[in-house]
Amino acid sequence: MSRNPQRATANLRHITDAILLKGRVSVVQLASSLSVSEVSIRKYLTTLEQQGVLIRTHGGAVANASSNVQPTANYNLNTEQASSLSQPAIVDNDPCKRAIAATAAKLISPFSRIVVDSGSTTAHLLPYLQTIEGLVVMTNSLPIATALTQKSNNATVLMSGGTWDPLSQSFQGQMSEKMIASYNFEMAFVGASGLDLVKGTTTFHELTKLSQVMSDSSEQTIVLAQSDKLFKKMPNIELSWGKISTLVTDNLLNDDAQHHIQNYGVQVICTPPMEK
């Protein structure tokens, strides 16, 4: 690190802001932007890791979402990112989605390592994730990560970083994919825009790689989706039934569809009948 204390402090602040606002940094990029050696950058990263600001990775570092450190350069946030810091993770009060999430949460044991995709149904897992002890949770959803850092039962929270998508309030792209692929999880929890009895989960979105990476990095893939998604025709396949371990859905799924999906080796769990 720099022998000049003021410059060293400024460099640490620069790196702290970069990691908190972007989710991930590389040694090469930091060395270039600060005009210092890569050796110095690694020493800075070691210092910040000891302070709990970040977690070192090969060639760089990722934000430690459990840290309470706040960026000193909030003006670097774009409008969507800034507003998402106070955006609630659960944006609707759909009782069907709540019931699906409550049923799926029963699959999670204390101290599990899980990855949670952004989505309106997976977001309803949040109250359960906040109470289960000792979880390691990676997510690309900024609202979910923010809520978990504010309240959890000793959870370790990891952000994927990547390219900001204001529509889904999440990070997407190759950086997210590489970050997730570098870990091993016990379970991946993903949503679905559509369900196809032959193909699997489907979507209008052309960027389907992130869900696939989450599935590939996990021992089990749990899809949370309402049964009416069977009637929504989508052009792009997200996950084939062969990649899905469990489908958690509502109790309106008809028997023929359930048996068809089970024939692929997928466990189908339906929510209990809702009280009227």
Protein backbone atom coordinates (compact mmCIF):
# COMPACT_ATOMS: atom_id res chain seq x y z
CA MET A 1 0.00 0.00 0.00
CA SER A 2 0.98 3.63 -0.34
CA ARG A 3 3.36 5.04 2.25
CA ASN A 4 1.29 8.23 2.11
CA PRO A 5 -1.47 7.71 4.73
CA GLN A 6 -3.84 10.17 3.04
CA ARG A 7 -3.48 8.51 -0.34
CA ALA A 8 -3.86 5.05 1.18
CA THR A 9 -7.07 6.15 2.91
CA ALA A 10 -8.38 7.66 -0.34
CA ASN A 11 -7.58 4.47 -2.23
CA LEU A 12 -9.36 2.35 0.38
CA ARG A 13 -12.42 4.59 0.12
CA HIS A 14 -12.33 4.35 -3.68
CA ILE A 15 -12.21 0.54 -3.55
CA THR A 16 -14.92 0.42 -0.88
CA ASP A 17 -17.24 2.57 -2.98
CA ALA A 18 -16.51 0.52 -6.10
CA ILE A 19 -17.24 -2.82 -4.44
CA LEU A 20 -20.41 -1.59 -2.71
CA LEU A 21 -21.82 0.08 -5.80
CA LYS A 22 -20.83 -2.52 -8.40
CA GLY A 23 -20.86 -5.71 -6.33
CA ARG A 24 -17.55 -6.93 -7.72
CA VAL A 25 -14.11 -5.54 -8.62
CA SER A 26 -11.00 -6.89 -10.29
CA VAL A 27 -7.38 -6.35 -9.30
CA VAL A 28 -6.41 -5.35 -12.83
CA GLN A 29 -9.15 -2.70 -13.15
CA LEU A 30 -8.43 -1.21 -9.74
CA ALA A 31 -4.69 -1.05 -10.39
CA SER A 32 -5.38 0.80 -13.65
CA SER A 33 -7.92 3.25 -12.20
CA LEU A 34 -5.79 4.08 -9.14
CA SER A 35 -2.43 3.98 -10.97
CA VAL A 36 -0.89 1.65 -8.40
CA SER A 37 0.60 -1.85 -8.62
CA GLU A 38 -1.49 -5.01 -8.46
CA VAL A 39 0.49 -5.97 -5.35
CA SER A 40 -0.75 -2.80 -3.63
CA ILE A 41 -4.33 -3.52 -4.70
CA ARG A 42 -4.16 -7.00 -3.20
CA LYS A 43 -2.97 -5.50 0.08
CA TYR A 44 -5.88 -3.04 0.01
CA LEU A 45 -8.31 -5.91 -0.61
CA THR A 46 -6.82 -7.89 2.27
CA THR A 47 -7.31 -4.90 4.57
CA LEU A 48 -10.94 -4.45 3.49
CA GLU A 49 -11.63 -8.16 3.82
CA GLN A 50 -10.37 -8.03 7.40
CA GLN A 51 -12.78 -5.14 7.98
CA GLY A 52 -15.65 -7.25 6.61
CA VAL A 53 -16.27 -5.02 3.59
CA LEU A 54 -15.59 -7.64 0.92
CA ILE A 55 -14.75 -11.26 0.20
CA ARG A 56 -11.61 -12.01 -1.81
CA THR A 57 -12.01 -14.05 -5.00
CA HIS A 58 -9.61 -15.15 -7.71
CA GLY A 59 -8.46 -11.98 -9.44
CA GLY A 60 -10.53 -9.59 -7.36
CA ALA A 61 -13.25 -9.41 -4.73
CA VAL A 62 -17.02 -9.35 -4.24
CA ALA A 63 -19.09 -7.35 -1.80
CA ASN A 64 -19.83 -8.87 1.58
CA ALA A 65 -23.55 -8.13 1.74
CA SER A 66 -23.53 -8.77 5.50
CA SER A 67 -21.42 -5.64 5.97
CA ASN A 68 -23.04 -2.51 7.37
CA VAL A 69 -20.55 -0.26 5.58
CA GLN A 70 -22.23 2.35 3.36
CA PRO A 71 -20.69 3.87 0.22
CA THR A 72 -19.24 7.37 0.55
CA ALA A 73 -19.98 8.20 -3.08
CA ASN A 74 -23.69 7.59 -3.45
CA TYR A 75 -23.76 9.95 -6.43
CA ASN A 76 -22.25 7.09 -8.48
CA LEU A 77 -25.51 5.15 -8.20
CA ASN A 78 -27.89 5.51 -11.11
CA THR A 79 -31.51 6.37 -10.36
CA GLU A 80 -32.79 2.80 -10.53
CA GLN A 81 -30.06 1.42 -8.28
CA ALA A 82 -30.47 4.17 -5.72
CA SER A 83 -34.23 3.70 -5.50
CA SER A 84 -33.85 -0.07 -5.23
CA LEU A 85 -31.95 0.26 -1.97
CA SER A 86 -35.25 1.18 -0.33
CA GLN A 87 -37.41 -0.93 -2.66
CA PRO A 88 -39.24 -3.69 -0.77
CA ALA A 89 -38.31 -7.19 -1.91
CA ILE A 90 -41.97 -8.27 -1.89
CA VAL A 91 -43.86 -6.01 -4.27
CA ASP A 92 -47.25 -7.74 -4.20
CA ASN A 93 -49.42 -9.44 -1.62
CA ASP A 94 -50.58 -12.39 -3.72
CA PRO A 95 -51.77 -15.12 -1.28
CA CYS A 96 -51.02 -17.84 -3.86
CA LYS A 97 -47.38 -16.73 -4.19
CA ARG A 98 -47.11 -16.50 -0.41
CA ALA A 99 -48.39 -20.06 -0.03
CA ILE A 100 -45.97 -21.39 -2.67
CA ALA A 101 -43.04 -19.68 -0.97
CA ALA A 102 -44.10 -20.94 2.47
CA THR A 103 -44.25 -24.50 1.11
CA ALA A 104 -40.87 -24.16 -0.63
CA ALA A 105 -39.25 -22.71 2.50
CA LYS A 106 -39.91 -25.99 4.32
CA LEU A 107 -37.28 -27.57 2.08
CA ILE A 108 -34.56 -25.32 3.54
CA SER A 109 -32.61 -26.57 6.55
CA PRO A 110 -30.51 -24.39 8.87
CA PHE A 111 -26.99 -23.67 7.57
CA SER A 112 -27.95 -24.51 3.98
CA ARG A 113 -26.16 -22.94 1.00
CA ILE A 114 -28.74 -21.60 -1.42
CA VAL A 115 -29.02 -19.28 -4.42
CA VAL A 116 -32.23 -17.32 -4.98
CA ASP A 117 -33.19 -15.81 -8.32
CA SER A 118 -35.02 -12.51 -8.56
CA GLY A 119 -38.76 -12.70 -9.13
CA SER A 120 -42.10 -11.86 -7.61
CA THR A 121 -42.69 -15.41 -6.30
CA THR A 122 -39.17 -16.15 -5.06
CA ALA A 123 -39.25 -12.81 -3.24
CA HIS A 124 -41.90 -14.25 -0.91
CA LEU A 125 -39.20 -16.56 0.48
CA LEU A 126 -37.70 -13.55 2.24
CA PRO A 127 -39.53 -13.72 5.62
CA TYR A 128 -38.51 -17.38 5.95
CA LEU A 129 -34.91 -16.75 4.91
CA GLN A 130 -34.72 -14.09 7.61
CA THR A 131 -35.53 -16.62 10.34
CA ILE A 132 -33.70 -19.82 9.28
CA GLU A 133 -30.37 -20.03 11.10
CA GLY A 134 -26.97 -19.77 9.49
CA LEU A 135 -27.89 -19.69 5.82
CA VAL A 136 -25.48 -18.82 3.06
CA VAL A 137 -27.62 -16.96 0.52
CA MET A 138 -26.47 -15.73 -2.85
CA THR A 139 -28.91 -13.67 -4.88
CA ASN A 140 -28.96 -11.36 -7.87
CA SER A 141 -31.87 -9.44 -6.33
CA LEU A 142 -30.72 -6.23 -4.67
CA PRO A 143 -33.96 -5.81 -2.63
CA ILE A 144 -33.66 -9.35 -1.23
CA ALA A 145 -29.98 -8.90 -0.37
CA THR A 146 -30.67 -5.54 1.26
CA ALA A 147 -33.51 -6.95 3.37
CA LEU A 148 -31.38 -9.89 4.50
CA THR A 149 -28.55 -7.60 5.60
CA GLN A 150 -31.05 -5.66 7.70
CA LYS A 151 -32.57 -8.73 9.33
CA SER A 152 -31.47 -12.38 9.37
CA ASN A 153 -30.55 -15.20 11.72
CA ASN A 154 -26.76 -15.00 11.21
CA ALA A 155 -27.01 -15.41 7.45
CA THR A 156 -24.07 -14.85 5.11
CA VAL A 157 -25.34 -12.84 2.15
CA LEU A 158 -23.56 -12.80 -1.21
CA MET A 159 -24.41 -10.57 -4.19
CA SER A 160 -23.79 -11.77 -7.72
CA GLY A 161 -22.91 -8.36 -9.14
CA GLY A 162 -23.23 -7.85 -12.87
CA THR A 163 -25.23 -5.60 -15.18
CA TRP A 164 -28.12 -3.77 -13.54
CA ASP A 165 -31.60 -4.57 -14.90
CA PRO A 166 -34.10 -1.98 -13.59
CA LEU A 167 -37.10 -4.00 -14.79
CA SER A 168 -36.33 -6.97 -12.52
CA GLN A 169 -34.47 -4.93 -9.87
CA SER A 170 -31.63 -7.38 -10.23
CA PHE A 171 -28.17 -7.97 -11.65
CA GLN A 172 -27.80 -9.99 -14.85
CA GLY A 173 -25.15 -10.78 -17.46
CA GLN A 174 -21.83 -12.58 -17.71
CA MET A 175 -20.38 -11.19 -14.47
CA SER A 176 -23.35 -12.56 -12.52
CA GLU A 177 -23.02 -15.90 -14.27
CA LYS A 178 -19.29 -16.20 -13.54
CA MET A 179 -19.78 -15.21 -9.92
CA ILE A 180 -22.53 -17.77 -9.32
CA ALA A 181 -20.65 -20.48 -11.21
CA SER A 182 -17.69 -20.09 -8.83
CA TYR A 183 -19.79 -21.41 -5.91
CA ASN A 184 -21.52 -24.67 -5.08
CA PHE A 185 -25.01 -24.58 -3.59
CA GLU A 186 -27.32 -27.17 -2.16
CA MET A 187 -30.44 -25.61 -3.66
CA ALA A 188 -31.36 -23.07 -6.31
CA PHE A 189 -34.75 -21.36 -6.03
CA VAL A 190 -35.98 -19.93 -9.32
CA GLY A 191 -39.28 -18.70 -10.69
CA ALA A 192 -40.87 -19.20 -14.10
CA SER A 193 -42.76 -16.98 -16.51
CA GLY A 194 -44.29 -20.00 -18.17
CA LEU A 195 -44.51 -23.80 -17.81
CA ASP A 196 -44.52 -26.15 -20.78
CA LEU A 197 -45.43 -29.78 -20.14
CA VAL A 198 -42.94 -30.90 -22.78
CA LYS A 199 -40.13 -28.34 -22.61
CA GLY A 200 -39.92 -27.19 -18.97
CA THR A 201 -39.87 -23.57 -17.77
CA THR A 202 -40.14 -20.89 -20.42
CA THR A 203 -39.82 -17.12 -20.72
CA PHE A 204 -40.17 -14.22 -23.14
CA HIS A 205 -36.78 -12.98 -21.97
CA GLU A 206 -33.92 -13.95 -24.27
CA LEU A 207 -31.37 -13.85 -21.41
CA THR A 208 -31.96 -17.30 -19.89
CA LYS A 209 -28.37 -18.19 -18.99
CA LEU A 210 -28.43 -16.97 -15.38
CA SER A 211 -31.14 -19.40 -14.26
CA GLN A 212 -29.29 -22.17 -16.05
CA VAL A 213 -26.05 -21.30 -14.23
CA MET A 214 -27.88 -21.25 -10.90
CA SER A 215 -29.22 -24.71 -11.66
CA ASP A 216 -25.84 -26.05 -12.81
CA SER A 217 -24.19 -24.74 -9.63
CA SER A 218 -26.71 -26.43 -7.33
CA GLU A 219 -27.40 -29.97 -6.21
CA GLN A 220 -31.15 -29.36 -6.48
CA THR A 221 -33.20 -26.90 -8.52
CA ILE A 222 -36.55 -25.87 -7.06
CA VAL A 223 -38.95 -23.99 -9.32
CA LEU A 224 -41.65 -21.83 -7.70
CA ALA A 225 -44.55 -21.20 -10.09
CA GLN A 226 -48.31 -20.88 -10.10
CA SER A 227 -50.21 -23.56 -12.00
CA ASP A 228 -51.76 -21.00 -14.37
CA LYS A 229 -48.28 -20.57 -15.88
CA LEU A 230 -49.16 -23.68 -17.90
CA PHE A 231 -51.47 -21.50 -19.99
CA LYS A 232 -48.83 -18.89 -20.75
CA LYS A 233 -46.99 -19.64 -23.98
CA MET A 234 -43.40 -18.38 -24.03
CA PRO A 235 -40.89 -18.74 -26.90
CA ASN A 236 -37.66 -19.36 -24.95
CA ILE A 237 -36.79 -22.43 -22.90
CA GLU A 238 -35.22 -21.55 -19.56
CA LEU A 239 -34.83 -24.89 -17.78
CA SER A 240 -35.70 -28.31 -19.17
CA TRP A 241 -37.54 -30.69 -16.86
CA GLY A 242 -34.36 -32.76 -16.70
CA LYS A 243 -32.63 -29.93 -14.81
CA ILE A 244 -35.47 -29.43 -12.32
CA SER A 245 -35.61 -31.40 -9.06
CA THR A 246 -38.83 -30.02 -7.61
CA LEU A 247 -41.78 -27.92 -8.75
CA VAL A 248 -43.60 -26.11 -5.95
CA THR A 249 -46.97 -24.89 -7.16
CA ASP A 250 -50.54 -24.28 -6.00
CA ASN A 251 -53.23 -26.89 -5.41
CA LEU A 252 -55.05 -26.01 -8.64
CA LEU A 253 -52.62 -28.03 -10.77
CA ASN A 254 -54.69 -30.75 -12.43
CA ASP A 255 -53.82 -34.42 -11.95
CA ASP A 256 -52.92 -35.07 -15.59
CA ALA A 257 -50.40 -32.21 -15.64
CA GLN A 258 -48.96 -33.31 -12.30
CA HIS A 259 -48.45 -36.89 -13.48
CA HIS A 260 -46.95 -35.69 -16.76
CA ILE A 261 -44.36 -33.59 -14.92
CA GLN A 262 -43.64 -36.36 -12.42
CA ASN A 263 -42.82 -38.69 -15.31
CA TYR A 264 -39.73 -36.55 -15.92
CA GLY A 265 -38.51 -37.44 -12.43
CA VAL A 266 -39.59 -34.08 -10.99
CA GLN A 267 -41.06 -33.98 -7.49
CA VAL A 268 -44.27 -31.95 -7.53
CA ILE A 269 -45.30 -30.31 -4.27
CA CYS A 270 -48.65 -28.52 -4.15
CA THR A 271 -49.69 -26.04 -1.51
CA PRO A 272 -52.40 -27.00 0.97
CA PRO A 273 -55.95 -25.89 0.08
CA MET A 274 -56.37 -22.22 0.91
CA GLU A 275 -58.85 -21.29 3.59
CA LYS A 276 -61.84 -19.29 2.35
